Amino acid sequence: MSQTDQTIVALATPSGSGALGIIRLSGPDTITIVQSVFKGKDLTKQGSHTIHFGNIVDGDLILDEVLVSLFIAPRSYTRENVVEISCHGSAYIIESIIKLLIKKGARAAKPGEFTLRAFLNGQMDLSQAEAVADLIASNSKASQQVALQQLRGGFSTQLQALRGQLVTFASLVELELDFSEEDVEFANRDQLKKLTHDITRIIGSLIQSFELGNAIKMGVNTVIAGRPNAGKSTLLNALLNEERAIVSHLPGTTRDTIEEVLNIHGINFRLIDTAGIREATDAIEQIGVQRTMEKISQSALLIYVYDAEQITLAQLEQDLDSLQKPGIAVLTVANKIDLLSSEQIAALPHTQQDAVISAKEKFHIDDLKNKIYHAAIKEKLTGNETLITNVRHLEALQKTEGSLLRVLNGIDGSITSDFLATDIKQALHYLGEITGAVTTDDLLENIFSKFCIGK
């Protein structure tokens, strides 16, 4: 836990040499500590959100020319006094300034301690604080947008509304306990049942959104599979628009998986090129085939590629039957159409393929990319919906759903108010864990220890 009576300091920019480095301080003595090493204007007399030029000095020694930015409480990220020192990006200069600030009374910040203070001081709730880490780690437009929406409080607002409605009924049920001898009912059971049904439906929708939210955050695992010499590696190269995989006319060239990331419409797809599926001719190839099957079982999307000139309909159906797994979307891709006549292309079994391409000649690759995107996202992403991307949030919502289902069963079974109150309290507890209305030191330590130092 953070000791908020102390002033903390850390480098807020990535470590290593660069044009600039930003050193951040937060706490009650921030301004006086910086003033003690700053030669320029008197920072203690300056207004918030102002920038001042001067030198950082250690006695008579000038360490660097800097810009000092002031953010006076509560108008700062942490709602404490915050100073950011922009200095030159020399690792030596940065280390010297931080050591000097620590000597003057600051202490080194722990990972995530600035954001932890923002949470403890009421600047943001816990789910918003976690969104800060997601925003820093975002590596695609979609993951950035989802994290930004949560940081702005979209998820929190929805949870607070649900929790507020439950609190009202929890209070009424608690009131009934005070008049238990008089057998009165303050909480209308029909209204409580309707509310619980409505909240359970919303929470169920949030739980279902995790699959899409996690795919956006982590990337969509996408396996390219098929028989040897179907053109899987050529397709990988065509999708990436670079020669990433070795291509040969000899079957069995790919013995191990090759993984690359492709961004389509703001979504990262983790493409995995695999060994051809066939009876292996040696032990190494057998391992490759086994790994192919393992990757398929772990994927969210399977791109099955086949040689449109060579494969028979019976072989195609046999492969699809063996490869299709529950919960995995499948795109069937007819490859090598550059070797077929227009009549042969027209005669392809259209019920057995989703795309017709030539990976070698890069025919219809853009069309395939669009189909990959729609197969994974399924038109779910509109930009306005709330998506769950955090496993901790998912688990809390699942526990909330379980408690609410017990409330419904209790109403139908006419259980007493004390048992009903217990189940509602549990639901409120689990919802509160998401936003930080209910916290423990261990929970906060676990969350913020995963942040980078300086944030």
Protein backbone atom coordinates (compact mmCIF):
# COMPACT_ATOMS: atom_id res chain seq x y z
CA MET A 1 0.00 0.00 0.00
CA SER A 2 1.09 3.55 -0.69
CA GLN A 3 2.07 5.83 2.20
CA THR A 4 0.45 8.98 0.88
CA ASP A 5 2.12 11.18 3.48
CA GLN A 6 5.41 10.63 1.62
CA THR A 7 6.60 12.27 -1.60
CA ILE A 8 7.48 9.82 -4.36
CA VAL A 9 9.66 10.18 -7.45
CA ALA A 10 10.21 8.10 -10.58
CA LEU A 11 11.13 8.35 -14.23
CA ALA A 12 7.88 8.60 -16.20
CA THR A 13 9.43 8.00 -19.64
CA PRO A 14 11.08 4.76 -20.83
CA SER A 15 14.54 4.12 -19.44
CA GLY A 16 17.56 4.51 -21.71
CA SER A 17 19.04 7.41 -23.64
CA GLY A 18 16.73 9.68 -25.62
CA ALA A 19 16.05 13.28 -26.47
CA LEU A 20 14.08 13.91 -23.27
CA GLY A 21 13.34 12.29 -19.94
CA ILE A 22 10.46 13.23 -17.64
CA ILE A 23 10.88 12.78 -13.90
CA ARG A 24 7.63 12.83 -11.95
CA LEU A 25 7.08 13.60 -8.26
CA SER A 26 3.85 13.45 -6.22
CA GLY A 27 3.13 14.12 -2.57
CA PRO A 28 2.84 16.82 0.08
CA ASP A 29 6.47 18.01 -0.12
CA THR A 30 6.81 17.83 -3.90
CA ILE A 31 7.11 21.54 -4.64
CA THR A 32 9.44 22.35 -1.74
CA ILE A 33 11.74 19.43 -2.62
CA VAL A 34 11.98 20.49 -6.26
CA GLN A 35 12.43 24.15 -5.26
CA SER A 36 15.40 23.16 -3.11
CA VAL A 37 17.29 21.99 -6.23
CA PHE A 38 15.81 24.37 -8.83
CA LYS A 39 17.49 27.61 -9.85
CA GLY A 40 14.86 29.79 -11.50
CA LYS A 41 11.51 31.19 -10.36
CA ASP A 42 10.28 30.46 -6.84
CA LEU A 43 8.05 27.46 -7.54
CA THR A 44 6.22 27.82 -4.23
CA LYS A 45 4.69 31.09 -5.50
CA GLN A 46 3.63 29.87 -8.96
CA GLY A 47 0.19 28.78 -10.10
CA SER A 48 -0.99 25.34 -11.15
CA HIS A 49 -0.53 24.15 -14.71
CA THR A 50 2.44 26.42 -15.36
CA ILE A 51 5.86 25.61 -16.86
CA HIS A 52 9.14 27.17 -15.76
CA PHE A 53 12.63 27.13 -17.24
CA GLY A 54 15.71 26.84 -15.04
CA ASN A 55 18.55 24.63 -13.85
CA ILE A 56 18.65 21.65 -11.54
CA VAL A 57 21.62 22.22 -9.25
CA ASP A 58 23.44 20.19 -6.63
CA GLY A 59 25.10 22.91 -4.64
CA ASP A 60 27.22 24.85 -7.13
CA LEU A 61 27.06 22.03 -9.72
CA ILE A 62 24.55 22.43 -12.54
CA LEU A 63 23.13 19.02 -13.46
CA ASP A 64 20.94 20.11 -16.37
CA GLU A 65 18.75 22.79 -17.93
CA VAL A 66 15.13 21.74 -17.44
CA LEU A 67 11.48 22.66 -17.77
CA VAL A 68 9.45 22.21 -14.60
CA SER A 69 5.66 21.68 -14.88
CA LEU A 70 3.52 22.36 -11.81
CA PHE A 71 0.20 20.65 -11.03
CA ILE A 72 -1.13 21.83 -7.69
CA ALA A 73 -3.58 19.67 -5.72
CA PRO A 74 -6.28 18.73 -6.39
CA ARG A 75 -5.82 19.60 -10.10
CA SER A 76 -3.41 16.78 -10.89
CA TYR A 77 -3.34 13.13 -11.90
CA THR A 78 -3.00 11.96 -8.29
CA ARG A 79 -4.96 14.87 -6.71
CA GLU A 80 -1.73 15.65 -4.84
CA ASN A 81 0.92 18.23 -5.66
CA VAL A 82 2.68 16.90 -8.77
CA VAL A 83 5.80 18.18 -10.51
CA GLU A 84 7.20 16.89 -13.79
CA ILE A 85 10.81 17.74 -14.62
CA SER A 86 11.62 17.58 -18.34
CA CYS A 87 15.36 17.10 -18.68
CA HIS A 88 17.72 15.83 -21.35
CA GLY A 89 17.43 12.08 -21.88
CA SER A 90 20.92 11.09 -20.76
CA ALA A 91 20.73 8.12 -18.42
CA TYR A 92 23.47 9.73 -16.30
CA ILE A 93 21.58 13.04 -15.98
CA ILE A 94 18.30 11.32 -15.11
CA GLU A 95 19.93 9.10 -12.49
CA SER A 96 21.77 12.09 -10.98
CA ILE A 97 18.59 14.18 -10.68
CA ILE A 98 16.57 11.33 -9.14
CA LYS A 99 19.33 10.58 -6.63
CA LEU A 100 19.42 14.28 -5.69
CA LEU A 101 15.63 14.41 -5.20
CA ILE A 102 15.76 11.31 -3.00
CA LYS A 103 18.55 12.91 -0.96
CA LYS A 104 16.29 15.95 -0.48
CA GLY A 105 13.44 13.88 0.96
CA ALA A 106 11.59 12.02 -1.79
CA ARG A 107 11.53 8.25 -2.05
CA ALA A 108 11.55 6.01 -5.10
CA ALA A 109 8.01 5.18 -6.28
CA LYS A 110 6.78 1.61 -6.48
CA PRO A 111 5.25 0.21 -9.70
CA GLY A 112 1.90 1.86 -10.33
CA GLU A 113 2.08 4.02 -7.22
CA PHE A 114 1.06 7.25 -8.96
CA THR A 115 -2.11 5.61 -10.29
CA LEU A 116 -2.68 3.90 -6.93
CA ARG A 117 -2.66 7.34 -5.30
CA ALA A 118 -5.09 8.60 -7.92
CA PHE A 119 -7.43 5.75 -6.93
CA LEU A 120 -6.97 6.21 -3.18
CA ASN A 121 -7.61 9.95 -3.53
CA GLY A 122 -10.85 9.42 -5.48
CA GLN A 123 -9.59 10.57 -8.87
CA MET A 124 -10.71 7.32 -10.50
CA ASP A 125 -12.19 3.99 -9.51
CA LEU A 126 -10.35 0.68 -9.67
CA SER A 127 -11.59 -0.39 -13.09
CA GLN A 128 -10.52 2.97 -14.51
CA ALA A 129 -7.10 2.59 -12.90
CA GLU A 130 -6.70 -0.81 -14.55
CA ALA A 131 -7.71 0.78 -17.86
CA VAL A 132 -4.66 3.05 -17.53
CA ALA A 133 -2.40 -0.02 -17.69
CA ASP A 134 -4.41 -1.41 -20.61
CA LEU A 135 -4.09 1.91 -22.45
CA ILE A 136 -0.32 1.91 -22.01
CA ALA A 137 -0.13 -1.68 -23.25
CA SER A 138 -2.55 -1.19 -26.18
CA ASN A 139 -1.02 -2.22 -29.49
CA SER A 140 -3.91 -1.65 -31.89
CA LYS A 141 -6.58 0.95 -32.57
CA ALA A 142 -9.32 -1.29 -31.20
CA SER A 143 -7.51 -2.13 -27.94
CA GLN A 144 -6.72 1.57 -27.49
CA GLN A 145 -10.37 2.54 -27.99
CA VAL A 146 -11.67 -0.10 -25.56
CA ALA A 147 -9.16 0.94 -22.88
CA LEU A 148 -9.95 4.62 -23.42
CA GLN A 149 -13.69 3.99 -23.10
CA GLN A 150 -13.12 2.23 -19.76
CA LEU A 151 -10.75 4.97 -18.59
CA ARG A 152 -13.46 7.55 -19.29
CA GLY A 153 -15.78 5.61 -17.01
CA GLY A 154 -18.16 3.91 -19.43
CA PHE A 155 -17.94 0.55 -17.64
CA SER A 156 -17.91 2.17 -14.18
CA THR A 157 -21.04 4.22 -14.87
CA GLN A 158 -22.94 1.11 -15.93
CA LEU A 159 -21.85 -0.81 -12.82
CA GLN A 160 -22.66 2.06 -10.47
CA ALA A 161 -26.18 2.27 -11.88
CA LEU A 162 -26.73 -1.47 -11.37
CA ARG A 163 -25.27 -1.37 -7.88
CA GLY A 164 -27.35 1.67 -6.92
CA GLN A 165 -30.59 -0.11 -7.82
CA LEU A 166 -29.58 -3.16 -5.81
CA VAL A 167 -28.62 -1.05 -2.80
CA THR A 168 -32.14 0.38 -2.65
CA PHE A 169 -33.73 -3.06 -2.44
CA ALA A 170 -31.04 -4.34 -0.06
CA SER A 171 -31.96 -1.49 2.31
CA LEU A 172 -35.64 -2.39 2.17
CA VAL A 173 -34.94 -6.08 2.82
CA GLU A 174 -32.69 -5.11 5.75
CA LEU A 175 -35.51 -2.96 7.08
CA GLU A 176 -37.79 -6.00 7.06
CA LEU A 177 -35.39 -7.74 9.46
CA ASP A 178 -35.96 -4.99 12.00
CA PHE A 179 -39.70 -5.76 11.91
CA SER A 180 -39.41 -9.53 11.60
CA GLU A 181 -41.84 -10.15 14.45
CA GLU A 182 -44.54 -8.14 12.67
CA ASP A 183 -44.19 -10.06 9.39
CA VAL A 184 -44.15 -6.96 7.15
CA GLU A 185 -42.74 -6.73 3.63
CA PHE A 186 -41.15 -3.45 2.54
CA ALA A 187 -39.40 -4.79 -0.58
CA ASN A 188 -41.99 -5.68 -3.20
CA ARG A 189 -40.97 -9.18 -4.34
CA ASP A 190 -42.33 -8.75 -7.86
CA GLN A 191 -40.38 -5.53 -8.35
CA LEU A 192 -37.25 -7.11 -6.84
CA LYS A 193 -37.63 -10.11 -9.15
CA LYS A 194 -37.98 -7.88 -12.22
CA LEU A 195 -34.96 -5.79 -11.21
CA THR A 196 -32.87 -8.89 -10.56
CA HIS A 197 -33.86 -10.33 -13.94
CA ASP A 198 -32.88 -7.06 -15.66
CA ILE A 199 -29.53 -6.83 -13.88
CA THR A 200 -28.78 -10.51 -14.51
CA ARG A 201 -29.45 -10.01 -18.22
CA ILE A 202 -27.09 -7.01 -18.38
CA ILE A 203 -24.38 -8.83 -16.44
CA GLY A 204 -24.78 -11.87 -18.69
CA SER A 205 -24.24 -9.64 -21.70
CA LEU A 206 -21.08 -8.19 -20.12
CA ILE A 207 -19.79 -11.70 -19.40
CA GLN A 208 -20.40 -12.72 -23.02
CA SER A 209 -18.50 -9.63 -24.21
CA PHE A 210 -15.28 -10.95 -22.65
CA GLU A 211 -14.52 -13.23 -25.59
CA LEU A 212 -14.52 -10.29 -27.98
CA GLY A 213 -12.91 -7.91 -25.49
CA ASN A 214 -10.08 -10.32 -24.74
CA ALA A 215 -9.52 -10.89 -28.47
CA ILE A 216 -9.21 -7.14 -29.01
CA LYS A 217 -6.86 -6.75 -26.06
CA MET A 218 -4.63 -9.78 -26.68
CA GLY A 219 -5.13 -10.35 -30.42
CA VAL A 220 -7.08 -13.09 -32.21
CA ASN A 221 -5.24 -16.42 -32.38
CA THR A 222 -5.58 -17.43 -36.03
CA VAL A 223 -4.23 -20.73 -37.36
CA ILE A 224 -3.50 -21.31 -41.05
CA ALA A 225 -3.86 -25.06 -41.63
CA GLY A 226 -4.24 -27.45 -44.51
CA ARG A 227 -2.59 -30.29 -46.37
CA PRO A 228 1.09 -30.12 -47.40
CA ASN A 229 1.77 -27.89 -50.40
CA ALA A 230 -1.65 -26.22 -50.16
CA GLY A 231 0.05 -22.82 -50.06
CA LYS A 232 -0.18 -22.02 -46.34
CA SER A 233 3.23 -20.35 -46.12
CA THR A 234 2.65 -18.50 -49.37
CA LEU A 235 -0.64 -17.23 -47.94
CA LEU A 236 1.09 -16.08 -44.75
CA ASN A 237 3.59 -14.14 -46.86
CA ALA A 238 0.80 -12.64 -48.96
CA LEU A 239 -1.18 -11.52 -45.91
CA LEU A 240 1.91 -9.95 -44.34
CA ASN A 241 3.12 -8.62 -47.71
CA GLU A 242 6.62 -9.87 -46.96
CA GLU A 243 8.65 -13.07 -47.37
CA ARG A 244 8.30 -14.29 -43.80
CA ALA A 245 8.01 -18.06 -44.38
CA ILE A 246 10.14 -20.32 -46.58
CA VAL A 247 8.16 -21.39 -49.64
CA SER A 248 8.90 -24.53 -51.64
CA HIS A 249 7.06 -26.77 -54.11
CA LEU A 250 8.16 -29.71 -51.95
CA PRO A 251 5.51 -30.86 -49.46
CA GLY A 252 6.39 -30.78 -45.75
CA THR A 253 8.66 -27.71 -45.90
CA THR A 254 7.12 -26.22 -42.75
CA ARG A 255 8.07 -28.42 -39.79
CA ASP A 256 7.33 -26.00 -36.94
CA THR A 257 4.86 -23.20 -36.39
CA ILE A 258 5.64 -19.64 -37.54
CA GLU A 259 3.84 -16.80 -35.77
CA GLU A 260 3.36 -13.21 -36.93
CA VAL A 261 0.91 -10.38 -36.13
CA LEU A 262 -1.34 -8.85 -38.81
CA ASN A 263 -3.50 -5.80 -38.10
CA ILE A 264 -6.82 -5.72 -39.95
CA HIS A 265 -9.15 -2.74 -39.37
CA GLY A 266 -7.55 -2.03 -35.99
CA ILE A 267 -7.64 -5.64 -34.71
CA ASN A 268 -4.45 -7.68 -34.23
CA PHE A 269 -4.57 -11.21 -35.61
CA ARG A 270 -1.84 -13.56 -34.41
CA LEU A 271 -1.30 -15.60 -37.56
CA ILE A 272 0.18 -19.06 -37.03
CA ASP A 273 1.50 -20.95 -40.06
CA THR A 274 1.53 -24.67 -39.33
CA ALA A 275 2.92 -27.92 -40.64
CA GLY A 276 0.86 -29.67 -43.31
CA ILE A 277 -1.71 -32.15 -42.08
CA ARG A 278 -0.90 -35.64 -43.35
CA GLU A 279 0.59 -38.94 -42.25
CA ALA A 280 4.09 -37.91 -41.14
CA THR A 281 7.09 -39.49 -42.89
CA ASP A 282 9.51 -38.96 -39.99
CA ALA A 283 9.56 -38.17 -36.27
CA ILE A 284 10.21 -34.43 -36.72
CA GLU A 285 7.30 -34.02 -39.11
CA GLN A 286 5.10 -35.98 -36.69
CA ILE A 287 5.90 -33.45 -33.95
CA GLY A 288 5.04 -30.64 -36.39
CA VAL A 289 1.64 -32.20 -37.16
CA GLN A 290 0.94 -32.66 -33.43
CA ARG A 291 1.76 -29.00 -32.82
CA THR A 292 -0.59 -28.03 -35.64
CA MET A 293 -3.47 -29.82 -33.95
CA GLU A 294 -2.57 -28.23 -30.60
CA LYS A 295 -2.53 -24.74 -32.13
CA ILE A 296 -5.90 -25.33 -33.77
CA SER A 297 -7.45 -26.32 -30.43
CA GLN A 298 -6.10 -23.09 -28.87
CA SER A 299 -7.21 -20.80 -31.69
CA ALA A 300 -10.25 -18.56 -32.10
CA LEU A 301 -10.15 -18.68 -35.92
CA LEU A 302 -9.02 -21.41 -38.31
CA ILE A 303 -8.14 -20.58 -41.90
CA TYR A 304 -8.26 -23.88 -43.75
CA VAL A 305 -6.38 -23.60 -47.06
CA TYR A 306 -6.62 -26.18 -49.82
CA ASP A 307 -5.21 -26.62 -53.30
CA ALA A 308 -8.23 -26.00 -55.54
CA GLU A 309 -6.53 -27.86 -58.41
CA GLN A 310 -5.64 -31.06 -56.56
CA ILE A 311 -8.02 -31.79 -53.69
CA THR A 312 -11.18 -33.83 -54.09
CA LEU A 313 -14.51 -32.95 -52.52
CA ALA A 314 -14.31 -36.08 -50.33
CA GLN A 315 -10.86 -35.06 -49.05
CA LEU A 316 -12.08 -31.53 -48.37
CA GLU A 317 -15.05 -32.72 -46.35
CA GLN A 318 -12.86 -35.21 -44.48
CA ASP A 319 -10.40 -32.49 -43.49
CA LEU A 320 -13.12 -30.08 -42.35
CA ASP A 321 -14.80 -32.78 -40.25
CA SER A 322 -11.53 -33.54 -38.48
CA LEU A 323 -10.46 -29.91 -37.96
CA GLN A 324 -13.66 -28.16 -36.90
CA LYS A 325 -13.87 -27.68 -33.13
CA PRO A 326 -16.65 -26.15 -30.99
CA GLY A 327 -16.23 -22.41 -30.50
CA ILE A 328 -13.67 -22.00 -33.32
CA ALA A 329 -14.71 -20.04 -36.40
CA VAL A 330 -13.57 -21.60 -39.69
CA LEU A 331 -12.75 -19.90 -42.98
CA THR A 332 -12.31 -22.29 -45.92
CA VAL A 333 -10.00 -20.88 -48.59
CA ALA A 334 -9.60 -22.28 -52.11
CA ASN A 335 -6.03 -21.47 -53.20
CA LYS A 336 -4.09 -21.57 -56.51
CA ILE A 337 -6.95 -20.36 -58.69
CA ASP A 338 -4.29 -18.92 -61.02
CA LEU A 339 -3.84 -22.52 -62.22
CA LEU A 340 -7.55 -22.94 -63.00
CA SER A 341 -9.68 -21.85 -65.91
CA SER A 342 -12.70 -19.65 -65.31
CA GLU A 343 -14.91 -22.71 -65.91
CA GLN A 344 -13.03 -24.69 -63.25
CA ILE A 345 -13.32 -21.82 -60.77
CA ALA A 346 -17.04 -21.59 -61.39
CA ALA A 347 -17.32 -25.34 -60.80
CA LEU A 348 -15.76 -25.18 -57.32
CA PRO A 349 -18.09 -26.39 -54.57
CA HIS A 350 -19.18 -22.97 -53.28
CA THR A 351 -20.82 -24.47 -50.23
CA GLN A 352 -17.36 -25.64 -49.16
CA GLN A 353 -15.34 -22.43 -49.44
CA ASP A 354 -15.54 -18.89 -48.12
CA ALA A 355 -12.79 -17.32 -50.25
CA VAL A 356 -11.18 -18.06 -53.63
CA ILE A 357 -7.61 -16.78 -53.91
CA SER A 358 -4.18 -17.14 -55.42
CA ALA A 359 -1.68 -16.59 -52.62
CA LYS A 360 1.21 -16.69 -55.10
CA GLU A 361 -0.27 -14.01 -57.37
CA LYS A 362 -1.99 -12.22 -54.46
CA PHE A 363 -5.43 -12.47 -56.07
CA HIS A 364 -8.31 -11.50 -53.71
CA ILE A 365 -6.04 -11.14 -50.63
CA ASP A 366 -7.75 -7.93 -49.53
CA ASP A 367 -11.12 -9.64 -49.80
CA LEU A 368 -9.79 -12.47 -47.64
CA LYS A 369 -8.56 -10.01 -45.02
CA ASN A 370 -12.06 -8.53 -44.77
CA LYS A 371 -13.50 -12.01 -44.34
CA ILE A 372 -10.94 -12.84 -41.64
CA TYR A 373 -12.00 -9.70 -39.78
CA HIS A 374 -15.73 -10.41 -40.03
CA ALA A 375 -15.29 -14.09 -39.11
CA ALA A 376 -13.61 -13.11 -35.84
CA ILE A 377 -15.53 -9.97 -34.92
CA LYS A 378 -18.91 -11.00 -36.37
CA GLU A 379 -20.14 -7.41 -36.66
CA LYS A 380 -20.06 -7.10 -32.85
CA LEU A 381 -17.81 -4.08 -32.64
CA THR A 382 -19.77 -0.86 -33.05
CA GLY A 383 -17.55 1.41 -30.93
CA ASN A 384 -20.23 2.19 -28.32
CA GLU A 385 -20.61 -1.09 -26.47
CA THR A 386 -19.00 -1.93 -23.13
CA LEU A 387 -16.53 -4.78 -23.47
CA ILE A 388 -14.93 -6.76 -20.65
CA THR A 389 -11.19 -7.25 -21.19
CA ASN A 390 -10.02 -8.01 -17.65
CA VAL A 391 -10.11 -11.53 -16.17
CA ARG A 392 -10.61 -10.11 -12.67
CA HIS A 393 -13.71 -8.25 -13.83
CA LEU A 394 -15.01 -11.39 -15.57
CA GLU A 395 -14.67 -13.49 -12.43
CA ALA A 396 -16.38 -10.85 -10.28
CA LEU A 397 -19.27 -10.60 -12.76
CA GLN A 398 -19.66 -14.39 -12.82
CA LYS A 399 -19.83 -14.43 -9.01
CA THR A 400 -22.35 -11.57 -9.10
CA GLU A 401 -24.46 -13.52 -11.58
CA GLY A 402 -24.38 -16.56 -9.29
CA SER A 403 -25.55 -14.49 -6.31
CA LEU A 404 -28.37 -12.92 -8.33
CA LEU A 405 -29.55 -16.31 -9.53
CA ARG A 406 -29.75 -17.37 -5.87
CA VAL A 407 -31.84 -14.24 -5.20
CA LEU A 408 -34.26 -15.26 -7.96
CA ASN A 409 -34.44 -18.83 -6.69
CA GLY A 410 -34.99 -17.50 -3.19
CA ILE A 411 -37.88 -15.26 -4.27
CA ASP A 412 -39.51 -18.17 -6.10
CA GLY A 413 -38.96 -20.37 -3.05
CA SER A 414 -40.29 -17.72 -0.66
CA ILE A 415 -37.17 -17.77 1.52
CA THR A 416 -36.96 -15.51 4.54
CA SER A 417 -35.64 -11.95 4.35
CA ASP A 418 -32.36 -12.73 6.13
CA PHE A 419 -31.28 -15.27 3.49
CA LEU A 420 -32.46 -12.96 0.71
CA ALA A 421 -30.46 -10.09 2.22
CA THR A 422 -27.33 -12.27 2.35
CA ASP A 423 -27.49 -13.09 -1.36
CA ILE A 424 -28.10 -9.44 -2.33
CA LYS A 425 -25.15 -8.38 -0.12
CA GLN A 426 -22.93 -10.89 -1.88
CA ALA A 427 -23.92 -9.54 -5.29
CA LEU A 428 -23.19 -6.00 -4.10
CA HIS A 429 -19.83 -7.14 -2.72
CA TYR A 430 -18.71 -8.70 -6.02
CA LEU A 431 -19.83 -5.67 -8.03
CA GLY A 432 -18.00 -3.44 -5.57
CA GLU A 433 -14.78 -5.40 -6.06
CA ILE A 434 -14.68 -4.33 -9.71
CA THR A 435 -14.82 -0.59 -9.10
CA GLY A 436 -12.96 -0.63 -5.79
CA ALA A 437 -15.93 0.08 -3.55
CA VAL A 438 -14.75 -3.11 -1.83
CA THR A 439 -10.97 -3.60 -1.64
CA THR A 440 -8.22 -5.31 0.31
CA ASP A 441 -4.53 -4.48 0.53
CA ASP A 442 -3.68 -7.75 -1.21
CA LEU A 443 -5.99 -6.94 -4.11
CA LEU A 444 -4.48 -3.49 -4.61
CA GLU A 445 -0.95 -4.83 -4.32
CA ASN A 446 -1.69 -7.48 -6.94
CA ILE A 447 -3.21 -4.97 -9.39
CA PHE A 448 -0.74 -2.10 -9.13
CA SER A 449 2.41 -4.22 -8.91
CA LYS A 450 1.84 -5.05 -12.60
CA PHE A 451 2.08 -1.38 -13.62
CA CYS A 452 5.28 0.18 -14.89
CA ILE A 453 7.27 2.35 -12.48
CA GLY A 454 6.44 6.01 -13.06
CA LYS A 455 2.75 5.34 -13.73
